[in-house]
Protein backbone atom coordinates (compact mmCIF):
# COMPACT_ATOMS: atom_id res chain seq x y z
CA UNK A 1 -4.01 -21.75 11.07
CA UNK A 2 -3.12 -18.34 12.47
CA UNK A 3 -2.21 -15.64 9.93
CA UNK A 4 0.05 -12.71 10.70
CA UNK A 5 -1.73 -9.96 8.79
CA UNK A 6 0.90 -7.35 9.61
CA UNK A 7 3.49 -9.52 7.85
CA UNK A 8 1.17 -10.00 4.87
CA UNK A 9 0.67 -6.23 4.71
CA UNK A 10 4.43 -5.64 4.92
CA UNK A 11 4.79 -7.85 1.83
CA UNK A 12 1.81 -6.60 -0.18
CA UNK A 13 2.36 -2.85 0.12
CA UNK A 14 5.86 -2.87 -1.42
CA UNK A 15 4.55 -5.11 -4.22
CA UNK A 16 1.79 -2.62 -4.97
CA UNK A 17 4.27 0.29 -4.84
CA UNK A 18 6.56 -1.53 -7.27
CA UNK A 19 9.52 0.52 -8.47
CA UNK A 20 8.03 3.82 -7.32
CA UNK A 21 9.80 5.40 -4.38
CA UNK A 22 8.05 5.84 -1.05
CA UNK A 23 8.54 9.61 -1.40
CA UNK A 24 6.91 9.60 -4.84
CA UNK A 25 3.86 7.74 -3.55
CA UNK A 26 3.64 9.99 -0.47
CA UNK A 27 3.62 13.01 -2.78
CA UNK A 28 0.93 11.57 -5.05
CA UNK A 29 -1.22 10.81 -1.99
CA UNK A 30 -0.58 14.35 -0.64
CA UNK A 31 1.27 13.21 2.49
CA UNK A 32 4.05 15.39 3.84
CA UNK A 33 5.44 12.65 6.09
CA UNK A 34 6.92 9.21 5.47
CA UNK A 35 3.46 7.65 5.41
CA UNK A 36 4.33 4.86 2.97
CA UNK A 37 7.25 3.81 5.17
CA UNK A 38 5.01 3.82 8.24
CA UNK A 39 2.43 1.63 6.51
CA UNK A 40 5.04 -0.79 5.18
CA UNK A 41 6.70 -1.16 8.59
CA UNK A 42 3.37 -1.47 10.46
CA UNK A 43 3.97 1.74 12.39
CA UNK A 44 0.57 3.01 11.20
CA UNK A 45 -2.53 1.20 10.02
CA UNK A 46 -3.67 1.86 6.47
CA UNK A 47 -7.35 2.62 5.92
CA UNK A 48 -9.33 1.04 3.09
CA UNK A 49 -9.71 4.50 1.56
CA UNK A 50 -5.94 4.99 1.59
CA UNK A 51 -5.38 1.47 0.27
CA UNK A 52 -7.68 2.14 -2.69
CA UNK A 53 -5.93 5.48 -3.33
CA UNK A 54 -2.54 3.72 -3.18
CA UNK A 55 -3.71 1.21 -5.77
CA UNK A 56 -4.93 4.02 -8.02
CA UNK A 57 -1.63 5.94 -7.74
CA UNK A 58 0.36 2.77 -8.47
CA UNK A 59 -1.99 1.80 -11.32
CA UNK A 60 -3.08 -1.46 -9.72
CA UNK A 61 -6.48 -2.63 -10.94
CA UNK A 62 -7.85 -3.59 -7.55
CA UNK A 63 -11.00 -5.27 -8.86
CA UNK A 64 -8.95 -7.39 -11.24
CA UNK A 65 -6.45 -8.28 -8.49
CA UNK A 66 -9.20 -9.26 -6.05
CA UNK A 67 -11.00 -11.48 -8.54
CA UNK A 68 -7.69 -12.87 -9.78
CA UNK A 69 -8.89 -12.07 -13.27
């Protein structure tokens, strides 16, 4: 079964962001551009470091989410 990881990413990132605006998250991550938009639309790849920072800003307990605990 082939998975389309860009589609999965396009679904997961907005879920992590929740009700916070893209501009709010960009500001918290110290980006001056529309980085969140670019990640969500697969215009730019997100690094693991940025993904972890995104989870921290959005108060997502990554360890808990990964272990489904």
